[in-house]
Amino acid sequence: MELLNRLISSFVFWGAWILIPVIMEIVPAVGAIHVLFKKRRKARHNEKSRAEEMETIMRVYPEISILIPVYNSQETLDACIRSINDSDYPNERIRIFLINNQGKDDSFSVFCKAQELYPDLYMQWLNSKQGKSKALNLALFNSGGKYIINIDSDGILEKSALKNMIYKFEKDTDIDVVTGAILIQPELIEKYPLGLPRLLRKVEFMEYAQAFLAGRNYAAEFDAIYTLSGAFSAFRKSAVLKSRMYNPDTITEDTEITFQMKYQFNKKVHICEDALFFVDPIENLNKLYTQRQRWQRGSLEVSNMFLKDKMKPQYMFFNSAVRTLLYDHTFAFPRLIWYLALLCLCFMNYGFTMIVFSTAILFVLYIVVGFFYYFSTIGYLKHFPDIRSYYRKQWYAVFFLPFFNFVVFFIRFAGVINSINVDSSWKTKNFTEEKQTFRETVEKDFATVNGILEKIRNYVNVE
């Protein structure tokens, strides 16, 4: 009987620790490699080479509109426009709309200078009310062309990104919504000092590459891409104009329009893995803190709009968004309890050695997951030898990914807590402000307690 109790106890312990990572992490990681091989086999069986097929399909380049919301983009706007000019998509087939989102700097002078530097580009400056959604909607109403492409003003396009994305649309007329792949600029990473500052940016580079190339390609196989990338995404204009456009009442307009397309118009969201867009590394912890909290709060907000009636456990087997929410949010609470309860397990007949060993096993599992994604991402970077070479050299960053994800988990968990009683807003407290608020609250609470104790002490000790 004692042996049976031990077995049951061990099963519960090991199951709680390992079952969720195996199902939610290892299966998709292995699946990403399977999807890569599947795409490779399909390409080999194609009678025409990719270049020949692209030349046949793209005999006439369709006109496209590129929408660029501009908000205090004076330092990055020229590089963004230059990347469009240097792309292999014909300039005469591109219309660029730069929408001023009530920024405070002199981005307009950069636009004026760009008109002189890139005379072949057709560019138009629009002034919008505050809010990225309003800016994008204004440009949508003024745009022409067959396809609408959104890019952020603080990033740059890979030379063939536009051509590859439009080729995906033209090849399959059933495709109406496509997200690009976002990577961190390697040149900017190398400008950071050696040691922890540069290592953190390399881990972030690894995270982005694996999430957008391996992770989203696997998700696309099951129509399970949760959200388009707001930094680089595209629509068939005839499809997006049927929607409610971008919603100004949410802080994650990219997620909201994704849900519109998926759940109101039954459109599948595709990934174009060879359409790359490079963004800056995260500047500091405060930026990371506000960015990930905004993503987390936005996903909860949009899910409540579209999936309110489907927030039940049984729907996780049929709805990928519910499944994602369950893992990212519902599982967050038991995961937090496990983190905090590790020391308590020593008093529950679990030996210290067993706890340390199981934690090490869990860490190894996440390393294995990281390397599965690492190798599949290398495969997806086949057509980009320079980026592929740089990515391959960062193999050691895989060992630090679990720690990075651990920190991000607590940031996202803070986003869940803050979303309960705080109104949606782009302007949120950063880590430094949260820490200061926490300190002031603790000091205030202890001051109240100390005041009560002082009154009791004076009352008891009165002569």
Protein backbone atom coordinates (compact mmCIF):
# COMPACT_ATOMS: atom_id res chain seq x y z
CA MET A 1 0.00 0.00 0.00
CA GLU A 2 2.86 2.31 0.83
CA LEU A 3 4.47 1.57 -2.54
CA LEU A 4 1.20 2.34 -4.33
CA ASN A 5 0.88 5.65 -2.49
CA ARG A 6 4.43 6.54 -3.49
CA LEU A 7 3.74 5.74 -7.13
CA ILE A 8 0.55 7.81 -7.14
CA SER A 9 2.28 10.67 -5.38
CA SER A 10 5.22 10.57 -7.81
CA PHE A 11 2.89 10.40 -10.80
CA VAL A 12 1.02 13.50 -9.64
CA PHE A 13 4.28 15.32 -8.97
CA TRP A 14 6.00 14.43 -12.23
CA GLY A 15 2.80 14.83 -14.22
CA ALA A 16 2.24 18.36 -12.94
CA TRP A 17 5.82 19.32 -13.68
CA ILE A 18 6.37 17.67 -17.04
CA LEU A 19 3.02 16.86 -18.69
CA ILE A 20 2.11 20.46 -19.53
CA PRO A 21 5.57 21.29 -21.01
CA VAL A 22 5.47 18.08 -23.07
CA ILE A 23 2.03 18.78 -24.52
CA MET A 24 2.25 22.54 -24.90
CA GLU A 25 5.92 22.97 -25.80
CA ILE A 26 7.58 19.82 -27.14
CA VAL A 27 4.75 18.74 -29.45
CA PRO A 28 4.70 22.11 -31.31
CA ALA A 29 8.51 22.12 -31.46
CA VAL A 30 8.58 18.70 -33.12
CA GLY A 31 5.64 19.77 -35.27
CA ALA A 32 7.59 22.79 -36.54
CA ILE A 33 10.28 20.47 -37.90
CA HIS A 34 7.61 18.28 -39.50
CA VAL A 35 6.06 21.32 -41.20
CA LEU A 36 9.50 22.38 -42.48
CA PHE A 37 10.13 18.94 -44.02
CA LYS A 38 6.62 18.97 -45.48
CA LYS A 39 7.27 22.29 -47.21
CA ARG A 40 10.65 21.07 -48.46
CA ARG A 41 9.07 17.92 -49.97
CA LYS A 42 6.38 20.00 -51.65
CA ALA A 43 9.00 22.31 -53.14
CA ARG A 44 11.04 19.37 -54.48
CA HIS A 45 8.01 17.84 -56.17
CA ASN A 46 7.20 21.13 -57.87
CA GLU A 47 8.18 20.85 -61.52
CA LYS A 48 9.18 24.51 -61.77
CA SER A 49 11.79 26.12 -59.59
CA ARG A 50 10.66 28.83 -57.20
CA ALA A 51 12.31 31.54 -59.32
CA GLU A 52 10.64 30.32 -62.52
CA GLU A 53 7.26 30.07 -60.85
CA MET A 54 7.60 33.56 -59.37
CA GLU A 55 8.56 34.99 -62.76
CA THR A 56 5.51 33.36 -64.34
CA ILE A 57 3.05 34.52 -61.69
CA MET A 58 4.53 37.99 -61.26
CA ARG A 59 4.63 38.96 -64.92
CA VAL A 60 2.66 42.06 -63.95
CA TYR A 61 3.34 43.49 -60.51
CA PRO A 62 0.07 44.54 -58.86
CA GLU A 63 -0.14 47.98 -57.33
CA ILE A 64 0.27 48.01 -53.55
CA SER A 65 -0.33 50.60 -50.84
CA ILE A 66 2.06 50.74 -47.89
CA LEU A 67 0.68 52.34 -44.73
CA ILE A 68 3.23 53.73 -42.23
CA PRO A 69 1.91 55.26 -38.99
CA VAL A 70 4.37 57.94 -37.87
CA TYR A 71 4.74 58.90 -34.23
CA ASN A 72 8.00 60.55 -33.10
CA SER A 73 9.84 58.62 -35.82
CA GLN A 74 12.42 61.23 -36.74
CA GLU A 75 15.37 58.92 -36.00
CA THR A 76 14.09 55.84 -37.84
CA LEU A 77 11.80 57.03 -40.63
CA ASP A 78 14.47 57.58 -43.30
CA ALA A 79 15.84 54.04 -42.91
CA CYS A 80 12.30 52.67 -43.20
CA ILE A 81 11.57 54.58 -46.43
CA ARG A 82 15.00 53.74 -47.82
CA SER A 83 14.33 50.02 -47.32
CA ILE A 84 11.20 50.37 -49.47
CA ASN A 85 13.13 52.22 -52.14
CA ASP A 86 15.89 49.57 -52.13
CA SER A 87 13.46 46.64 -52.33
CA ASP A 88 13.15 44.62 -55.54
CA TYR A 89 9.49 45.59 -55.92
CA PRO A 90 9.08 48.23 -58.68
CA ASN A 91 8.77 51.72 -57.21
CA GLU A 92 6.19 52.73 -59.77
CA ARG A 93 3.83 50.06 -58.40
CA ILE A 94 4.10 51.31 -54.79
CA ARG A 95 2.03 54.00 -53.07
CA ILE A 96 3.24 55.03 -49.62
CA PHE A 97 1.00 56.74 -47.07
CA LEU A 98 2.75 58.21 -44.02
CA ILE A 99 0.16 59.05 -41.38
CA ASN A 100 1.23 61.54 -38.74
CA ASN A 101 -0.14 60.27 -35.44
CA GLN A 102 0.23 63.64 -33.65
CA GLY A 103 3.92 63.15 -32.91
CA LYS A 104 5.94 65.89 -31.21
CA ASP A 105 9.19 65.69 -33.23
CA ASP A 106 10.11 66.83 -36.75
CA SER A 107 9.31 63.66 -38.68
CA PHE A 108 7.78 65.79 -41.43
CA SER A 109 11.21 67.20 -42.35
CA VAL A 110 12.46 63.62 -42.77
CA PHE A 111 9.55 62.98 -45.13
CA CYS A 112 10.39 66.12 -47.13
CA LYS A 113 14.04 65.08 -47.40
CA ALA A 114 13.00 61.57 -48.46
CA GLN A 115 11.03 63.02 -51.37
CA GLU A 116 14.29 64.51 -52.67
CA LEU A 117 16.36 61.37 -51.99
CA TYR A 118 13.87 58.90 -53.49
CA PRO A 119 12.11 60.75 -56.32
CA ASP A 120 10.78 57.49 -57.85
CA LEU A 121 8.64 56.76 -54.80
CA TYR A 122 5.10 58.11 -54.65
CA MET A 123 4.63 59.27 -51.06
CA GLN A 124 1.77 61.13 -49.38
CA TRP A 125 1.72 62.69 -45.89
CA LEU A 126 -1.54 62.56 -43.94
CA ASN A 127 -2.37 64.07 -40.56
CA SER A 128 -4.49 61.94 -38.26
CA LYS A 129 -6.11 62.14 -34.88
CA GLN A 130 -4.18 60.52 -32.06
CA GLY A 131 -4.15 56.74 -32.07
CA LYS A 132 -2.54 54.19 -34.37
CA SER A 133 -5.90 52.67 -35.32
CA LYS A 134 -7.28 56.02 -36.48
CA ALA A 135 -4.12 56.65 -38.47
CA LEU A 136 -4.37 53.29 -40.25
CA ASN A 137 -8.08 53.77 -40.98
CA LEU A 138 -7.43 57.20 -42.52
CA ALA A 139 -4.80 55.71 -44.84
CA LEU A 140 -7.06 52.78 -45.71
CA PHE A 141 -9.79 55.15 -46.93
CA ASN A 142 -7.26 57.00 -49.10
CA SER A 143 -5.36 54.01 -50.43
CA GLY A 144 -5.60 52.37 -53.83
CA GLY A 145 -4.07 49.24 -55.25
CA LYS A 146 -4.83 45.59 -54.91
CA TYR A 147 -3.05 44.92 -51.62
CA ILE A 148 -2.65 46.85 -48.36
CA ILE A 149 0.60 46.46 -46.42
CA ASN A 150 1.16 47.87 -42.93
CA ILE A 151 4.67 48.44 -41.60
CA ASP A 152 5.99 50.25 -38.55
CA SER A 153 8.17 53.31 -39.01
CA ASP A 154 10.90 52.01 -36.70
CA GLY A 155 11.87 48.98 -38.79
CA ILE A 156 13.28 48.09 -42.21
CA LEU A 157 12.19 45.63 -44.89
CA GLU A 158 14.41 42.87 -46.21
CA LYS A 159 15.07 43.50 -49.91
CA SER A 160 12.69 40.80 -51.23
CA ALA A 161 10.05 41.04 -48.48
CA LEU A 162 7.43 42.90 -50.51
CA LYS A 163 7.90 40.74 -53.60
CA ASN A 164 7.72 37.50 -51.60
CA MET A 165 4.58 38.56 -49.77
CA ILE A 166 2.72 39.65 -52.92
CA TYR A 167 3.85 36.45 -54.66
CA LYS A 168 2.15 34.46 -51.89
CA PHE A 169 -1.10 36.36 -52.49
CA GLU A 170 -0.92 36.04 -56.28
CA LYS A 171 -0.10 32.34 -56.14
CA ASP A 172 -3.22 31.53 -54.12
CA THR A 173 -6.29 33.70 -54.71
CA ASP A 174 -7.95 32.27 -51.59
CA ILE A 175 -5.40 34.03 -49.37
CA ASP A 176 -6.65 37.36 -47.98
CA VAL A 177 -4.57 37.86 -44.83
CA VAL A 178 -0.81 37.38 -44.39
CA THR A 179 1.61 38.22 -41.60
CA GLY A 180 5.31 38.74 -42.17
CA ALA A 181 8.19 37.51 -40.01
CA ILE A 182 9.71 39.97 -37.54
CA LEU A 183 13.40 39.73 -36.60
CA ILE A 184 15.80 41.88 -34.60
CA GLN A 185 18.44 43.75 -36.61
CA PRO A 186 21.77 41.91 -36.04
CA GLU A 187 23.81 45.07 -36.75
CA LEU A 188 22.14 46.89 -33.87
CA ILE A 189 22.63 43.94 -31.53
CA GLU A 190 26.38 44.00 -32.12
CA LYS A 191 26.53 47.68 -31.12
CA TYR A 192 25.68 46.80 -27.52
CA PRO A 193 28.57 46.25 -25.08
CA LEU A 194 29.90 42.73 -24.64
CA GLY A 195 28.48 40.76 -21.76
CA LEU A 196 24.94 40.85 -20.41
CA PRO A 197 23.63 43.80 -22.53
CA ARG A 198 24.51 42.09 -25.82
CA LEU A 199 23.54 38.62 -24.58
CA LEU A 200 20.04 39.83 -23.65
CA ARG A 201 19.52 41.20 -27.18
CA LYS A 202 20.76 37.96 -28.71
CA VAL A 203 18.30 35.99 -26.61
CA GLU A 204 15.56 38.35 -27.78
CA PHE A 205 16.73 37.79 -31.38
CA MET A 206 16.49 34.04 -30.82
CA GLU A 207 13.02 34.39 -29.32
CA TYR A 208 11.68 36.44 -32.24
CA ALA A 209 13.21 34.17 -34.91
CA GLN A 210 11.85 30.99 -33.36
CA ALA A 211 8.40 32.44 -32.65
CA PHE A 212 7.82 33.95 -36.09
CA LEU A 213 9.53 31.37 -38.31
CA ALA A 214 9.16 28.00 -36.58
CA GLY A 215 6.25 28.73 -34.23
CA ARG A 216 3.93 30.53 -36.63
CA ASN A 217 4.58 28.17 -39.51
CA TYR A 218 3.45 25.32 -37.28
CA ALA A 219 0.42 27.33 -36.12
CA ALA A 220 -0.50 28.22 -39.71
CA GLU A 221 -0.85 24.51 -40.54
CA PHE A 222 -3.85 24.36 -38.17
CA ASP A 223 -5.16 27.87 -38.83
CA ALA A 224 -4.04 28.71 -35.30
CA ILE A 225 -2.08 31.95 -35.75
CA TYR A 226 -3.33 34.01 -32.84
CA THR A 227 -2.51 37.46 -34.18
CA LEU A 228 -1.07 39.26 -37.17
CA SER A 229 2.11 41.20 -36.60
CA GLY A 230 1.26 44.87 -36.31
CA ALA A 231 4.79 45.69 -37.45
CA PHE A 232 4.41 43.98 -40.85
CA SER A 233 1.20 42.50 -42.19
CA ALA A 234 -0.81 42.57 -45.43
CA PHE A 235 -4.37 42.24 -46.68
CA ARG A 236 -6.14 41.82 -49.95
CA LYS A 237 -7.86 45.20 -50.13
CA SER A 238 -11.18 43.75 -51.21
CA ALA A 239 -11.22 41.69 -47.98
CA VAL A 240 -10.09 44.29 -45.45
CA LEU A 241 -12.56 46.92 -46.68
CA LYS A 242 -15.41 44.58 -45.77
CA SER A 243 -14.27 44.55 -42.15
CA ARG A 244 -14.92 47.13 -39.44
CA MET A 245 -11.36 48.35 -40.07
CA TYR A 246 -9.06 49.00 -37.11
CA ASN A 247 -10.74 49.40 -33.74
CA PRO A 248 -9.56 52.52 -31.84
CA ASP A 249 -10.99 51.17 -28.57
CA THR A 250 -8.28 48.55 -28.06
CA ILE A 251 -4.54 48.79 -27.44
CA THR A 252 -3.81 45.83 -29.74
CA GLU A 253 -5.44 46.78 -33.02
CA ASP A 254 -3.53 44.04 -34.86
CA THR A 255 -5.05 41.32 -32.68
CA GLU A 256 -8.53 42.83 -32.99
CA ILE A 257 -8.49 42.89 -36.79
CA THR A 258 -7.06 39.35 -36.79
CA PHE A 259 -10.06 38.16 -34.78
CA GLN A 260 -12.39 40.04 -37.11
CA MET A 261 -10.95 38.23 -40.11
CA LYS A 262 -10.98 34.82 -38.43
CA TYR A 263 -14.26 34.80 -36.56
CA GLN A 264 -16.48 37.18 -38.53
CA PHE A 265 -15.29 36.54 -42.08
CA ASN A 266 -13.82 33.02 -41.73
CA LYS A 267 -10.50 34.06 -43.24
CA LYS A 268 -7.41 31.99 -42.58
CA VAL A 269 -4.34 33.92 -41.39
CA HIS A 270 -1.21 32.87 -43.28
CA ILE A 271 2.49 33.38 -42.59
CA CYS A 272 4.98 34.43 -45.27
CA GLU A 273 8.20 33.17 -43.73
CA ASP A 274 10.41 34.72 -46.43
CA ALA A 275 8.98 38.22 -45.95
CA LEU A 276 11.28 39.58 -43.25
CA PHE A 277 10.99 42.86 -41.37
CA PHE A 278 13.74 43.97 -38.99
CA VAL A 279 13.07 45.97 -35.83
CA ASP A 280 15.29 47.48 -33.16
CA PRO A 281 16.32 45.47 -30.09
CA ILE A 282 14.41 46.28 -26.94
CA GLU A 283 16.03 49.29 -25.30
CA ASN A 284 15.74 48.38 -21.62
CA LEU A 285 13.72 46.51 -19.02
CA ASN A 286 11.12 49.28 -18.83
CA LYS A 287 10.42 48.97 -22.57
CA LEU A 288 10.19 45.18 -22.33
CA TYR A 289 7.88 45.47 -19.33
CA THR A 290 5.41 47.84 -21.00
CA GLN A 291 5.55 46.02 -24.36
CA ARG A 292 4.76 42.55 -23.03
CA GLN A 293 2.13 43.83 -20.63
CA ARG A 294 0.41 45.68 -23.47
CA TRP A 295 0.38 42.51 -25.60
CA GLN A 296 -1.02 40.48 -22.72
CA ARG A 297 -3.70 42.95 -21.76
CA GLY A 298 -4.66 43.46 -25.39
CA SER A 299 -5.11 39.75 -26.01
CA LEU A 300 -7.42 39.45 -23.00
CA GLU A 301 -9.36 42.50 -24.09
CA VAL A 302 -9.88 41.30 -27.68
CA SER A 303 -10.67 37.75 -26.60
CA ASN A 304 -13.40 39.10 -24.37
CA MET A 305 -14.89 40.89 -27.41
CA PHE A 306 -14.99 37.85 -29.68
CA LEU A 307 -14.83 34.72 -27.52
CA LYS A 308 -16.92 35.62 -24.48
CA ASP A 309 -19.34 32.72 -25.09
CA LYS A 310 -16.58 30.22 -25.82
CA MET A 311 -14.56 30.61 -22.63
CA LYS A 312 -15.27 27.07 -21.53
CA PRO A 313 -12.82 24.16 -21.12
CA GLN A 314 -14.43 22.01 -23.83
CA TYR A 315 -13.75 24.66 -26.48
CA MET A 316 -10.00 24.22 -26.10
CA PHE A 317 -10.27 21.12 -28.31
CA PHE A 318 -11.96 23.04 -31.14
CA ASN A 319 -10.74 26.63 -30.93
CA SER A 320 -7.04 27.50 -31.14
CA ALA A 321 -7.55 30.94 -29.56
CA VAL A 322 -9.24 29.41 -26.50
CA ARG A 323 -6.40 26.89 -26.29
CA THR A 324 -3.83 29.70 -26.39
CA LEU A 325 -5.67 31.66 -23.72
CA LEU A 326 -5.91 28.60 -21.51
CA TYR A 327 -2.17 28.06 -21.69
CA ASP A 328 -1.12 31.70 -21.42
CA HIS A 329 -3.58 32.81 -18.76
CA THR A 330 -5.44 30.02 -16.95
CA PHE A 331 -2.28 27.94 -16.55
CA ALA A 332 -0.45 31.02 -15.36
CA PHE A 333 -1.92 30.75 -11.86
CA PRO A 334 -0.97 27.10 -11.17
CA ARG A 335 2.44 27.73 -12.73
CA LEU A 336 2.93 30.64 -10.36
CA ILE A 337 1.88 28.47 -7.43
CA TRP A 338 4.41 25.81 -8.46
CA TYR A 339 7.19 28.38 -8.60
CA LEU A 340 6.38 29.68 -5.13
CA ALA A 341 5.65 26.27 -3.60
CA LEU A 342 8.99 24.61 -4.42
CA LEU A 343 10.38 25.15 -0.94
CA CYS A 344 7.15 23.95 0.67
CA LEU A 345 7.48 20.59 -1.09
CA CYS A 346 10.34 19.72 1.25
CA PHE A 347 7.76 19.54 4.05
CA MET A 348 5.43 17.30 2.02
CA ASN A 349 7.58 14.14 1.93
CA TYR A 350 9.41 15.26 -1.23
CA GLY A 351 13.15 15.18 -0.79
CA PHE A 352 15.31 18.18 -1.65
CA THR A 353 17.28 16.06 -4.12
CA MET A 354 14.11 15.03 -5.93
CA ILE A 355 12.91 18.63 -6.22
CA VAL A 356 16.25 19.84 -7.57
CA PHE A 357 16.47 16.89 -9.95
CA SER A 358 12.94 17.42 -11.29
CA THR A 359 13.62 21.12 -11.80
CA ALA A 360 16.78 20.23 -13.71
CA ILE A 361 14.77 17.77 -15.85
CA LEU A 362 12.27 20.52 -16.63
CA PHE A 363 15.09 22.88 -17.58
CA VAL A 364 16.58 20.24 -19.89
CA LEU A 365 13.18 19.76 -21.54
CA TYR A 366 12.96 23.46 -22.30
CA ILE A 367 16.51 23.38 -23.71
CA VAL A 368 15.46 20.47 -25.95
CA VAL A 369 12.43 22.50 -27.07
CA GLY A 370 14.71 25.44 -27.80
CA PHE A 371 17.02 23.36 -29.97
CA PHE A 372 14.11 21.82 -31.89
CA TYR A 373 13.01 25.34 -32.75
CA TYR A 374 16.62 26.37 -33.36
CA PHE A 375 17.20 23.75 -36.06
CA SER A 376 13.84 24.28 -37.75
CA THR A 377 14.43 28.06 -37.81
CA ILE A 378 17.75 27.47 -39.59
CA GLY A 379 15.78 25.62 -42.25
CA TYR A 380 13.33 28.50 -42.68
CA LEU A 381 16.24 30.92 -43.19
CA LYS A 382 17.51 28.96 -46.19
CA HIS A 383 17.08 31.87 -48.62
CA PHE A 384 18.84 34.38 -46.34
CA PRO A 385 22.45 33.17 -45.95
CA ASP A 386 23.71 36.18 -43.97
CA ILE A 387 20.90 36.10 -41.42
CA ARG A 388 21.08 32.31 -41.31
CA SER A 389 24.81 32.41 -40.58
CA TYR A 390 24.34 34.98 -37.81
CA TYR A 391 21.47 33.03 -36.28
CA ARG A 392 23.43 29.76 -36.38
CA LYS A 393 26.31 31.34 -34.44
CA GLN A 394 23.98 32.28 -31.59
CA TRP A 395 23.31 28.65 -30.60
CA TYR A 396 24.44 29.28 -27.02
CA ALA A 397 21.55 31.74 -26.55
CA VAL A 398 19.21 28.72 -26.46
CA PHE A 399 20.50 27.91 -22.96
CA PHE A 400 19.40 31.33 -21.73
CA LEU A 401 15.95 31.30 -23.34
CA PRO A 402 14.24 29.54 -20.37
CA PHE A 403 15.46 32.28 -18.02
CA PHE A 404 14.31 35.01 -20.42
CA ASN A 405 10.91 33.33 -20.79
CA PHE A 406 10.73 32.99 -17.00
CA VAL A 407 11.10 36.77 -16.60
CA VAL A 408 8.63 37.42 -19.44
CA PHE A 409 6.12 35.08 -17.76
CA PHE A 410 6.05 37.25 -14.63
CA ILE A 411 5.76 40.41 -16.74
CA ARG A 412 2.81 38.92 -18.63
CA PHE A 413 1.30 37.72 -15.35
CA ALA A 414 1.53 41.30 -14.08
CA GLY A 415 -0.33 42.30 -17.25
CA VAL A 416 -3.11 39.86 -16.38
CA ILE A 417 -3.41 41.32 -12.88
CA ASN A 418 -3.28 44.92 -14.09
CA SER A 419 -5.96 44.27 -16.70
CA ILE A 420 -8.48 43.41 -13.98
CA ASN A 421 -9.06 46.92 -12.68
CA VAL A 422 -7.16 49.27 -15.00
CA ASP A 423 -8.67 50.78 -18.14
CA SER A 424 -7.07 49.93 -21.49
CA SER A 425 -4.44 52.50 -22.47
CA TRP A 426 -1.24 52.69 -24.48
CA LYS A 427 0.30 54.69 -21.66
CA THR A 428 1.00 52.17 -18.92
CA LYS A 429 3.38 52.17 -15.99
CA ASN A 430 6.84 50.83 -16.73
CA PHE A 431 8.83 48.62 -14.37
CA THR A 432 10.50 51.54 -12.58
CA GLU A 433 7.15 53.26 -11.99
CA GLU A 434 5.52 50.02 -10.83
CA LYS A 435 8.40 49.44 -8.41
CA GLN A 436 8.11 52.98 -7.05
CA THR A 437 4.33 52.61 -6.63
CA PHE A 438 4.83 49.29 -4.82
CA ARG A 439 7.40 50.84 -2.48
CA GLU A 440 5.13 53.78 -1.68
CA THR A 441 2.16 51.46 -1.04
CA VAL A 442 4.19 49.25 1.30
CA GLU A 443 5.55 52.27 3.17
CA LYS A 444 2.03 53.70 3.49
CA ASP A 445 0.60 50.39 4.74
CA PHE A 446 3.38 49.93 7.27
CA ALA A 447 3.01 53.55 8.38
CA THR A 448 -0.65 52.85 9.14
CA VAL A 449 0.24 49.68 11.07
CA ASN A 450 3.03 51.45 12.94
CA GLY A 451 0.65 54.27 13.82
CA ILE A 452 -1.87 51.80 15.30
CA LEU A 453 0.88 50.00 17.24
CA GLU A 454 2.18 53.33 18.54
CA LYS A 455 -1.30 54.28 19.80
CA ILE A 456 -1.66 50.90 21.54
CA ARG A 457 1.79 51.25 23.05
CA ASN A 458 1.03 54.73 24.37
CA TYR A 459 -2.31 53.58 25.75
CA VAL A 460 -0.83 50.58 27.55
CA ASN A 461 2.15 52.47 28.93
CA VAL A 462 0.23 55.53 30.13
CA GLU A 463 0.97 56.43 33.78
